[in-house]
Amino acid sequence: MQSSTNSEEFYSKLKAQLYETSSWPTAYLFKFIVTSEQHKIDKIESIFDNMGAVITSTPSKKGTYMSISINVVMQSPETVIGKYQLVASQVEGVISL
């Protein structure tokens, strides 16, 4: 229960920051780090399908992890948060930056 409260607080603060720092709609850069398992990379990419996203993947030095950058036009802070929550719920062990 505590982690749920922390998540809600985090997303609430993020939403406020996004409203303060950007005019919407705007291009937004998502960054994720996952282990270099192709199914995890594919899942993240599929979440952003049909959105006109520019996706760049960069392996770590040893190839153990993959950094995924996704630049896409988002309509509002709520849609940004929705994508972060969707990725977190569908990709085990993902780190959102």
PDB file of N, CA and C in Angstrom:
ATOM      1  N   MET A   1       0.822  -1.190   0.000  1.00  0.00           N
ATOM      2  CA  MET A   1       0.000   0.000   0.000  1.00  0.00           C
ATOM      3  C   MET A   1       0.868   1.258   0.000  1.00  0.00           C
ATOM      4  N   GLN A   2       1.943   1.240   0.726  1.00  0.00           N
ATOM      5  CA  GLN A   2       2.828   2.397   0.804  1.00  0.00           C
ATOM      6  C   GLN A   2       3.387   2.768  -0.565  1.00  0.00           C
ATOM      7  N   SER A   3       3.794   1.784  -1.377  1.00  0.00           N
ATOM      8  CA  SER A   3       4.358   2.090  -2.685  1.00  0.00           C
ATOM      9  C   SER A   3       3.314   2.714  -3.604  1.00  0.00           C
ATOM     10  N   SER A   4       2.062   2.327  -3.470  1.00  0.00           N
ATOM     11  CA  SER A   4       0.985   2.923  -4.255  1.00  0.00           C
ATOM     12  C   SER A   4       0.821   4.399  -3.916  1.00  0.00           C
ATOM     13  N   THR A   5       0.886   4.716  -2.625  1.00  0.00           N
ATOM     14  CA  THR A   5       0.796   6.106  -2.191  1.00  0.00           C
ATOM     15  C   THR A   5       1.976   6.906  -2.723  1.00  0.00           C
ATOM     16  N   ASN A   6       3.179   6.322  -2.673  1.00  0.00           N
ATOM     17  CA  ASN A   6       4.357   6.997  -3.202  1.00  0.00           C
ATOM     18  C   ASN A   6       4.232   7.232  -4.692  1.00  0.00           C
ATOM     19  N   SER A   7       3.702   6.270  -5.415  1.00  0.00           N
ATOM     20  CA  SER A   7       3.507   6.415  -6.855  1.00  0.00           C
ATOM     21  C   SER A   7       2.522   7.530  -7.154  1.00  0.00           C
ATOM     22  N   GLU A   8       1.425   7.565  -6.428  1.00  0.00           N
ATOM     23  CA  GLU A   8       0.430   8.613  -6.637  1.00  0.00           C
ATOM     24  C   GLU A   8       1.034   9.987  -6.373  1.00  0.00           C
ATOM     25  N   GLU A   9       1.808  10.093  -5.326  1.00  0.00           N
ATOM     26  CA  GLU A   9       2.455  11.363  -4.985  1.00  0.00           C
ATOM     27  C   GLU A   9       3.458  11.761  -6.073  1.00  0.00           C
ATOM     28  N   PHE A  10       4.247  10.793  -6.541  1.00  0.00           N
ATOM     29  CA  PHE A  10       5.218  11.055  -7.596  1.00  0.00           C
ATOM     30  C   PHE A  10       4.526  11.567  -8.857  1.00  0.00           C
ATOM     31  N   TYR A  11       3.467  10.869  -9.282  1.00  0.00           N
ATOM     32  CA  TYR A  11       2.776  11.259 -10.516  1.00  0.00           C
ATOM     33  C   TYR A  11       2.056  12.596 -10.358  1.00  0.00           C
ATOM     34  N   SER A  12       1.580  12.889  -9.179  1.00  0.00           N
ATOM     35  CA  SER A  12       0.949  14.179  -8.915  1.00  0.00           C
ATOM     36  C   SER A  12       1.960  15.315  -9.065  1.00  0.00           C
ATOM     37  N   LYS A  13       3.158  15.124  -8.505  1.00  0.00           N
ATOM     38  CA  LYS A  13       4.219  16.124  -8.633  1.00  0.00           C
ATOM     39  C   LYS A  13       4.672  16.262 -10.079  1.00  0.00           C
ATOM     40  N   LEU A  14       4.807  15.135 -10.770  1.00  0.00           N
ATOM     41  CA  LEU A  14       5.215  15.158 -12.177  1.00  0.00           C
ATOM     42  C   LEU A  14       4.201  15.925 -13.010  1.00  0.00           C
ATOM     43  N   LYS A  15       2.924  15.663 -12.788  1.00  0.00           N
ATOM     44  CA  LYS A  15       1.860  16.349 -13.522  1.00  0.00           C
ATOM     45  C   LYS A  15       1.964  17.857 -13.341  1.00  0.00           C
ATOM     46  N   ALA A  16       2.154  18.300 -12.105  1.00  0.00           N
ATOM     47  CA  ALA A  16       2.282  19.736 -11.826  1.00  0.00           C
ATOM     48  C   ALA A  16       3.501  20.326 -12.531  1.00  0.00           C
ATOM     49  N   GLN A  17       4.618  19.609 -12.493  1.00  0.00           N
ATOM     50  CA  GLN A  17       5.835  20.085 -13.155  1.00  0.00           C
ATOM     51  C   GLN A  17       5.642  20.174 -14.666  1.00  0.00           C
ATOM     52  N   LEU A  18       4.976  19.191 -15.243  1.00  0.00           N
ATOM     53  CA  LEU A  18       4.753  19.205 -16.686  1.00  0.00           C
ATOM     54  C   LEU A  18       3.882  20.378 -17.108  1.00  0.00           C
ATOM     55  N   TYR A  19       2.852  20.671 -16.325  1.00  0.00           N
ATOM     56  CA  TYR A  19       2.012  21.834 -16.632  1.00  0.00           C
ATOM     57  C   TYR A  19       2.802  23.139 -16.517  1.00  0.00           C
ATOM     58  N   GLU A  20       3.708  23.210 -15.546  1.00  0.00           N
ATOM     59  CA  GLU A  20       4.482  24.433 -15.317  1.00  0.00           C
ATOM     60  C   GLU A  20       5.541  24.675 -16.379  1.00  0.00           C
ATOM     61  N   THR A  21       6.089  23.610 -16.940  1.00  0.00           N
ATOM     62  CA  THR A  21       7.256  23.754 -17.811  1.00  0.00           C
ATOM     63  C   THR A  21       6.969  23.643 -19.302  1.00  0.00           C
ATOM     64  N   SER A  22       5.759  23.276 -19.699  1.00  0.00           N
ATOM     65  CA  SER A  22       5.482  23.056 -21.117  1.00  0.00           C
ATOM     66  C   SER A  22       4.120  23.575 -21.521  1.00  0.00           C
ATOM     67  N   SER A  23       3.998  23.901 -22.807  1.00  0.00           N
ATOM     68  CA  SER A  23       2.701  24.215 -23.407  1.00  0.00           C
ATOM     69  C   SER A  23       2.240  22.959 -24.120  1.00  0.00           C
ATOM     70  N   TRP A  24       0.985  22.619 -23.976  1.00  0.00           N
ATOM     71  CA  TRP A  24       0.472  21.355 -24.507  1.00  0.00           C
ATOM     72  C   TRP A  24      -0.453  21.587 -25.682  1.00  0.00           C
ATOM     73  N   PRO A  25      -0.412  20.715 -26.706  1.00  0.00           N
ATOM     74  CA  PRO A  25       0.447  19.531 -26.864  1.00  0.00           C
ATOM     75  C   PRO A  25       1.902  19.930 -27.118  1.00  0.00           C
ATOM     76  N   THR A  26       2.802  18.994 -26.806  1.00  0.00           N
ATOM     77  CA  THR A  26       4.229  19.243 -26.975  1.00  0.00           C
ATOM     78  C   THR A  26       4.972  17.938 -27.252  1.00  0.00           C
ATOM     79  N   ALA A  27       6.165  18.070 -27.833  1.00  0.00           N
ATOM     80  CA  ALA A  27       7.026  16.900 -28.011  1.00  0.00           C
ATOM     81  C   ALA A  27       7.589  16.538 -26.646  1.00  0.00           C
ATOM     82  N   TYR A  28       7.542  15.267 -26.305  1.00  0.00           N
ATOM     83  CA  TYR A  28       8.013  14.807 -25.002  1.00  0.00           C
ATOM     84  C   TYR A  28       8.994  13.666 -25.211  1.00  0.00           C
ATOM     85  N   LEU A  29      10.062  13.655 -24.432  1.00  0.00           N
ATOM     86  CA  LEU A  29      11.072  12.611 -24.529  1.00  0.00           C
ATOM     87  C   LEU A  29      10.940  11.656 -23.345  1.00  0.00           C
ATOM     88  N   PHE A  30      10.534  10.430 -23.644  1.00  0.00           N
ATOM     89  CA  PHE A  30      10.490   9.363 -22.648  1.00  0.00           C
ATOM     90  C   PHE A  30      11.834   8.643 -22.689  1.00  0.00           C
ATOM     91  N   LYS A  31      12.326   8.229 -21.522  1.00  0.00           N
ATOM     92  CA  LYS A  31      13.546   7.422 -21.461  1.00  0.00           C
ATOM     93  C   LYS A  31      13.302   6.252 -20.517  1.00  0.00           C
ATOM     94  N   PHE A  32      13.669   5.072 -21.008  1.00  0.00           N
ATOM     95  CA  PHE A  32      13.505   3.852 -20.226  1.00  0.00           C
ATOM     96  C   PHE A  32      14.788   3.044 -20.294  1.00  0.00           C
ATOM     97  N   ILE A  33      15.058   2.295 -19.240  1.00  0.00           N
ATOM     98  CA  ILE A  33      16.160   1.341 -19.228  1.00  0.00           C
ATOM     99  C   ILE A  33      15.579  -0.017 -18.850  1.00  0.00           C
ATOM    100  N   VAL A  34      15.910  -1.025 -19.670  1.00  0.00           N
ATOM    101  CA  VAL A  34      15.468  -2.399 -19.407  1.00  0.00           C
ATOM    102  C   VAL A  34      16.633  -3.343 -19.669  1.00  0.00           C
ATOM    103  N   THR A  35      16.523  -4.555 -19.149  1.00  0.00           N
ATOM    104  CA  THR A  35      17.503  -5.571 -19.508  1.00  0.00           C
ATOM    105  C   THR A  35      17.352  -5.840 -21.002  1.00  0.00           C
ATOM    106  N   SER A  36      18.417  -6.275 -21.629  1.00  0.00           N
ATOM    107  CA  SER A  36      18.427  -6.449 -23.084  1.00  0.00           C
ATOM    108  C   SER A  36      17.681  -7.708 -23.525  1.00  0.00           C
ATOM    109  N   GLU A  37      16.447  -7.841 -23.072  1.00  0.00           N
ATOM    110  CA  GLU A  37      15.586  -8.936 -23.495  1.00  0.00           C
ATOM    111  C   GLU A  37      14.662  -8.385 -24.580  1.00  0.00           C
ATOM    112  N   GLN A  38      14.697  -8.998 -25.757  1.00  0.00           N
ATOM    113  CA  GLN A  38      13.983  -8.448 -26.902  1.00  0.00           C
ATOM    114  C   GLN A  38      12.488  -8.282 -26.642  1.00  0.00           C
ATOM    115  N   HIS A  39      11.876  -9.210 -25.895  1.00  0.00           N
ATOM    116  CA  HIS A  39      10.431  -9.083 -25.655  1.00  0.00           C
ATOM    117  C   HIS A  39      10.105  -7.829 -24.838  1.00  0.00           C
ATOM    118  N   LYS A  40      11.002  -7.414 -23.943  1.00  0.00           N
ATOM    119  CA  LYS A  40      10.767  -6.197 -23.169  1.00  0.00           C
ATOM    120  C   LYS A  40      10.906  -4.957 -24.054  1.00  0.00           C
ATOM    121  N   ILE A  41      11.909  -4.963 -24.901  1.00  0.00           N
ATOM    122  CA  ILE A  41      12.121  -3.847 -25.833  1.00  0.00           C
ATOM    123  C   ILE A  41      10.929  -3.735 -26.784  1.00  0.00           C
ATOM    124  N   ASP A  42      10.510  -4.873 -27.327  1.00  0.00           N
ATOM    125  CA  ASP A  42       9.359  -4.899 -28.243  1.00  0.00           C
ATOM    126  C   ASP A  42       8.091  -4.394 -27.567  1.00  0.00           C
ATOM    127  N   LYS A  43       7.881  -4.762 -26.302  1.00  0.00           N
ATOM    128  CA  LYS A  43       6.683  -4.341 -25.575  1.00  0.00           C
ATOM    129  C   LYS A  43       6.652  -2.827 -25.399  1.00  0.00           C
ATOM    130  N   ILE A  44       7.785  -2.251 -25.010  1.00  0.00           N
ATOM    131  CA  ILE A  44       7.843  -0.800 -24.859  1.00  0.00           C
ATOM    132  C   ILE A  44       7.556  -0.120 -26.191  1.00  0.00           C
ATOM    133  N   GLU A  45       8.182  -0.603 -27.246  1.00  0.00           N
ATOM    134  CA  GLU A  45       7.969  -0.002 -28.565  1.00  0.00           C
ATOM    135  C   GLU A  45       6.513  -0.132 -29.004  1.00  0.00           C
ATOM    136  N   SER A  46       5.879  -1.258 -28.693  1.00  0.00           N
ATOM    137  CA  SER A  46       4.482  -1.462 -29.110  1.00  0.00           C
ATOM    138  C   SER A  46       3.527  -0.510 -28.388  1.00  0.00           C
ATOM    139  N   ILE A  47       3.872  -0.105 -27.179  1.00  0.00           N
ATOM    140  CA  ILE A  47       3.034   0.834 -26.418  1.00  0.00           C
ATOM    141  C   ILE A  47       2.970   2.189 -27.120  1.00  0.00           C
ATOM    142  N   PHE A  48       3.991   2.507 -27.917  1.00  0.00           N
ATOM    143  CA  PHE A  48       4.042   3.786 -28.620  1.00  0.00           C
ATOM    144  C   PHE A  48       3.753   3.647 -30.120  1.00  0.00           C
ATOM    145  N   ASP A  49       3.249   2.475 -30.537  1.00  0.00           N
ATOM    146  CA  ASP A  49       2.891   2.259 -31.945  1.00  0.00           C
ATOM    147  C   ASP A  49       1.846   3.261 -32.413  1.00  0.00           C
ATOM    148  N   ASN A  50       1.910   3.604 -33.679  1.00  0.00           N
ATOM    149  CA  ASN A  50       0.909   4.455 -34.341  1.00  0.00           C
ATOM    150  C   ASN A  50       0.769   5.833 -33.709  1.00  0.00           C
ATOM    151  N   MET A  51       1.839   6.333 -33.123  1.00  0.00           N
ATOM    152  CA  MET A  51       1.810   7.668 -32.523  1.00  0.00           C
ATOM    153  C   MET A  51       2.792   8.612 -33.205  1.00  0.00           C
ATOM    154  N   GLY A  52       3.511   8.123 -34.206  1.00  0.00           N
ATOM    155  CA  GLY A  52       4.519   8.932 -34.870  1.00  0.00           C
ATOM    156  C   GLY A  52       5.769   9.114 -34.024  1.00  0.00           C
ATOM    157  N   ALA A  53       6.015   8.192 -33.129  1.00  0.00           N
ATOM    158  CA  ALA A  53       7.152   8.287 -32.210  1.00  0.00           C
ATOM    159  C   ALA A  53       8.467   7.974 -32.923  1.00  0.00           C
ATOM    160  N   VAL A  54       9.507   8.692 -32.524  1.00  0.00           N
ATOM    161  CA  VAL A  54      10.862   8.395 -32.973  1.00  0.00           C
ATOM    162  C   VAL A  54      11.530   7.648 -31.827  1.00  0.00           C
ATOM    163  N   ILE A  55      11.902   6.395 -32.082  1.00  0.00           N
ATOM    164  CA  ILE A  55      12.432   5.522 -31.031  1.00  0.00           C
ATOM    165  C   ILE A  55      13.890   5.205 -31.318  1.00  0.00           C
ATOM    166  N   THR A  56      14.738   5.420 -30.308  1.00  0.00           N
ATOM    167  CA  THR A  56      16.160   5.137 -30.416  1.00  0.00           C
ATOM    168  C   THR A  56      16.547   4.200 -29.276  1.00  0.00           C
ATOM    169  N   SER A  57      17.241   3.115 -29.625  1.00  0.00           N
ATOM    170  CA  SER A  57      17.703   2.156 -28.614  1.00  0.00           C
ATOM    171  C   SER A  57      19.222   2.127 -28.605  1.00  0.00           C
ATOM    172  N   THR A  58      19.797   2.167 -27.407  1.00  0.00           N
ATOM    173  CA  THR A  58      21.244   2.149 -27.259  1.00  0.00           C
ATOM    174  C   THR A  58      21.619   1.108 -26.212  1.00  0.00           C
ATOM    175  N   PRO A  59      22.439   0.118 -26.592  1.00  0.00           N
ATOM    176  CA  PRO A  59      22.845  -0.889 -25.609  1.00  0.00           C
ATOM    177  C   PRO A  59      23.888  -0.329 -24.640  1.00  0.00           C
ATOM    178  N   SER A  60      23.913  -0.901 -23.429  1.00  0.00           N
ATOM    179  CA  SER A  60      24.941  -0.523 -22.459  1.00  0.00           C
ATOM    180  C   SER A  60      26.287  -1.051 -22.938  1.00  0.00           C
ATOM    181  N   LYS A  61      27.354  -0.619 -22.293  1.00  0.00           N
ATOM    182  CA  LYS A  61      28.709  -1.005 -22.709  1.00  0.00           C
ATOM    183  C   LYS A  61      28.878  -2.521 -22.774  1.00  0.00           C
ATOM    184  N   LYS A  62      28.348  -3.227 -21.781  1.00  0.00           N
ATOM    185  CA  LYS A  62      28.465  -4.694 -21.762  1.00  0.00           C
ATOM    186  C   LYS A  62      27.305  -5.381 -22.479  1.00  0.00           C
ATOM    187  N   GLY A  63      26.306  -4.603 -22.904  1.00  0.00           N
ATOM    188  CA  GLY A  63      25.170  -5.180 -23.613  1.00  0.00           C
ATOM    189  C   GLY A  63      24.115  -5.797 -22.718  1.00  0.00           C
ATOM    190  N   THR A  64      24.241  -5.605 -21.425  1.00  0.00           N
ATOM    191  CA  THR A  64      23.305  -6.185 -20.471  1.00  0.00           C
ATOM    192  C   THR A  64      21.981  -5.425 -20.443  1.00  0.00           C
ATOM    193  N   TYR A  65      22.057  -4.122 -20.662  1.00  0.00           N
ATOM    194  CA  TYR A  65      20.874  -3.259 -20.599  1.00  0.00           C
ATOM    195  C   TYR A  65      20.684  -2.512 -21.906  1.00  0.00           C
ATOM    196  N   MET A  66      19.465  -2.036 -22.106  1.00  0.00           N
ATOM    197  CA  MET A  66      19.145  -1.240 -23.272  1.00  0.00           C
ATOM    198  C   MET A  66      18.493   0.056 -22.807  1.00  0.00           C
ATOM    199  N   SER A  67      18.995   1.174 -23.315  1.00  0.00           N
ATOM    200  CA  SER A  67      18.388   2.467 -23.071  1.00  0.00           C
ATOM    201  C   SER A  67      17.478   2.767 -24.261  1.00  0.00           C
ATOM    202  N   ILE A  68      16.234   3.082 -23.975  1.00  0.00           N
ATOM    203  CA  ILE A  68      15.267   3.353 -25.033  1.00  0.00           C
ATOM    204  C   ILE A  68      14.766   4.781 -24.865  1.00  0.00           C
ATOM    205  N   SER A  69      14.983   5.596 -25.897  1.00  0.00           N
ATOM    206  CA  SER A  69      14.502   6.978 -25.909  1.00  0.00           C
ATOM    207  C   SER A  69      13.375   7.068 -26.922  1.00  0.00           C
ATOM    208  N   ILE A  70      12.279   7.690 -26.507  1.00  0.00           N
ATOM    209  CA  ILE A  70      11.102   7.805 -27.365  1.00  0.00           C
ATOM    210  C   ILE A  70      10.666   9.261 -27.384  1.00  0.00           C
ATOM    211  N   ASN A  71      10.755   9.868 -28.561  1.00  0.00           N
ATOM    212  CA  ASN A  71      10.341  11.255 -28.724  1.00  0.00           C
ATOM    213  C   ASN A  71       9.011  11.252 -29.469  1.00  0.00           C
ATOM    214  N   VAL A  72       7.984  11.806 -28.829  1.00  0.00           N
ATOM    215  CA  VAL A  72       6.638  11.750 -29.398  1.00  0.00           C
ATOM    216  C   VAL A  72       5.834  12.956 -28.923  1.00  0.00           C
ATOM    217  N   VAL A  73       4.922  13.414 -29.771  1.00  0.00           N
ATOM    218  CA  VAL A  73       4.044  14.521 -29.377  1.00  0.00           C
ATOM    219  C   VAL A  73       2.949  13.965 -28.475  1.00  0.00           C
ATOM    220  N   MET A  74       2.839  14.569 -27.294  1.00  0.00           N
ATOM    221  CA  MET A  74       1.823  14.163 -26.326  1.00  0.00           C
ATOM    222  C   MET A  74       0.847  15.318 -26.145  1.00  0.00           C
ATOM    223  N   GLN A  75      -0.402  14.987 -25.842  1.00  0.00           N
ATOM    224  CA  GLN A  75      -1.467  15.984 -25.763  1.00  0.00           C
ATOM    225  C   GLN A  75      -1.563  16.702 -24.425  1.00  0.00           C
ATOM    226  N   SER A  76      -1.140  16.028 -23.346  1.00  0.00           N
ATOM    227  CA  SER A  76      -1.290  16.618 -22.013  1.00  0.00           C
ATOM    228  C   SER A  76      -0.416  15.863 -21.015  1.00  0.00           C
ATOM    229  N   PRO A  77      -0.187  16.455 -19.846  1.00  0.00           N
ATOM    230  CA  PRO A  77       0.541  15.734 -18.803  1.00  0.00           C
ATOM    231  C   PRO A  77      -0.141  14.408 -18.424  1.00  0.00           C
ATOM    232  N   GLU A  78      -1.465  14.385 -18.472  1.00  0.00           N
ATOM    233  CA  GLU A  78      -2.184  13.146 -18.137  1.00  0.00           C
ATOM    234  C   GLU A  78      -1.831  12.019 -19.110  1.00  0.00           C
ATOM    235  N   THR A  79      -1.666  12.350 -20.407  1.00  0.00           N
ATOM    236  CA  THR A  79      -1.319  11.315 -21.380  1.00  0.00           C
ATOM    237  C   THR A  79       0.117  10.842 -21.180  1.00  0.00           C
ATOM    238  N   VAL A  80       1.002  11.734 -20.761  1.00  0.00           N
ATOM    239  CA  VAL A  80       2.386  11.355 -20.460  1.00  0.00           C
ATOM    240  C   VAL A  80       2.401  10.378 -19.285  1.00  0.00           C
ATOM    241  N   ILE A  81       1.711  10.736 -18.226  1.00  0.00           N
ATOM    242  CA  ILE A  81       1.655   9.883 -17.032  1.00  0.00           C
ATOM    243  C   ILE A  81       1.010   8.543 -17.364  1.00  0.00           C
ATOM    244  N   GLY A  82      -0.022   8.563 -18.185  1.00  0.00           N
ATOM    245  CA  GLY A  82      -0.672   7.314 -18.600  1.00  0.00           C
ATOM    246  C   GLY A  82       0.289   6.371 -19.296  1.00  0.00           C
ATOM    247  N   LYS A  83       1.163   6.908 -20.142  1.00  0.00           N
ATOM    248  CA  LYS A  83       2.159   6.069 -20.835  1.00  0.00           C
ATOM    249  C   LYS A  83       3.174   5.505 -19.847  1.00  0.00           C
ATOM    250  N   TYR A  84       3.651   6.350 -18.925  1.00  0.00           N
ATOM    251  CA  TYR A  84       4.585   5.845 -17.914  1.00  0.00           C
ATOM    252  C   TYR A  84       3.947   4.706 -17.114  1.00  0.00           C
ATOM    253  N   GLN A  85       2.698   4.878 -16.715  1.00  0.00           N
ATOM    254  CA  GLN A  85       2.013   3.850 -15.919  1.00  0.00           C
ATOM    255  C   GLN A  85       1.792   2.579 -16.733  1.00  0.00           C
ATOM    256  N   LEU A  86       1.471   2.727 -18.014  1.00  0.00           N
ATOM    257  CA  LEU A  86       1.253   1.565 -18.872  1.00  0.00           C
ATOM    258  C   LEU A  86       2.540   0.767 -19.037  1.00  0.00           C
ATOM    259  N   VAL A  87       3.637   1.463 -19.289  1.00  0.00           N
ATOM    260  CA  VAL A  87       4.927   0.781 -19.425  1.00  0.00           C
ATOM    261  C   VAL A  87       5.284   0.078 -18.120  1.00  0.00           C
ATOM    262  N   ALA A  88       5.137   0.767 -16.999  1.00  0.00           N
ATOM    263  CA  ALA A  88       5.483   0.177 -15.697  1.00  0.00           C
ATOM    264  C   ALA A  88       4.645  -1.055 -15.384  1.00  0.00           C
ATOM    265  N   SER A  89       3.382  -1.054 -15.817  1.00  0.00           N
ATOM    266  CA  SER A  89       2.511  -2.186 -15.517  1.00  0.00           C
ATOM    267  C   SER A  89       2.727  -3.372 -16.457  1.00  0.00           C
ATOM    268  N   GLN A  90       3.318  -3.129 -17.625  1.00  0.00           N
ATOM    269  CA  GLN A  90       3.451  -4.201 -18.611  1.00  0.00           C
ATOM    270  C   GLN A  90       4.875  -4.701 -18.827  1.00  0.00           C
ATOM    271  N   VAL A  91       5.872  -3.968 -18.336  1.00  0.00           N
ATOM    272  CA  VAL A  91       7.261  -4.369 -18.548  1.00  0.00           C
ATOM    273  C   VAL A  91       7.944  -4.503 -17.191  1.00  0.00           C
ATOM    274  N   GLU A  92       8.190  -5.729 -16.814  1.00  0.00           N
ATOM    275  CA  GLU A  92       8.790  -6.003 -15.501  1.00  0.00           C
ATOM    276  C   GLU A  92      10.218  -5.477 -15.423  1.00  0.00           C
ATOM    277  N   GLY A  93      10.529  -4.772 -14.334  1.00  0.00           N
ATOM    278  CA  GLY A  93      11.880  -4.304 -14.091  1.00  0.00           C
ATOM    279  C   GLY A  93      12.297  -3.064 -14.858  1.00  0.00           C
ATOM    280  N   VAL A  94      11.370  -2.414 -15.540  1.00  0.00           N
ATOM    281  CA  VAL A  94      11.724  -1.217 -16.309  1.00  0.00           C
ATOM    282  C   VAL A  94      12.053  -0.060 -15.368  1.00  0.00           C
ATOM    283  N   ILE A  95      13.034   0.734 -15.760  1.00  0.00           N
ATOM    284  CA  ILE A  95      13.382   1.959 -15.039  1.00  0.00           C
ATOM    285  C   ILE A  95      12.981   3.118 -15.934  1.00  0.00           C
ATOM    286  N   SER A  96      12.147   3.996 -15.416  1.00  0.00           N
ATOM    287  CA  SER A  96      11.702   5.177 -16.151  1.00  0.00           C
ATOM    288  C   SER A  96      12.521   6.370 -15.697  1.00  0.00           C
ATOM    289  N   LEU A  97      13.033   7.122 -16.646  1.00  0.00           N
ATOM    290  CA  LEU A  97      13.837   8.308 -16.307  1.00  0.00           C
ATOM    291  C   LEU A  97      13.099   9.566 -16.707  1.00  0.00           C
TER     292      LEU A  97
END
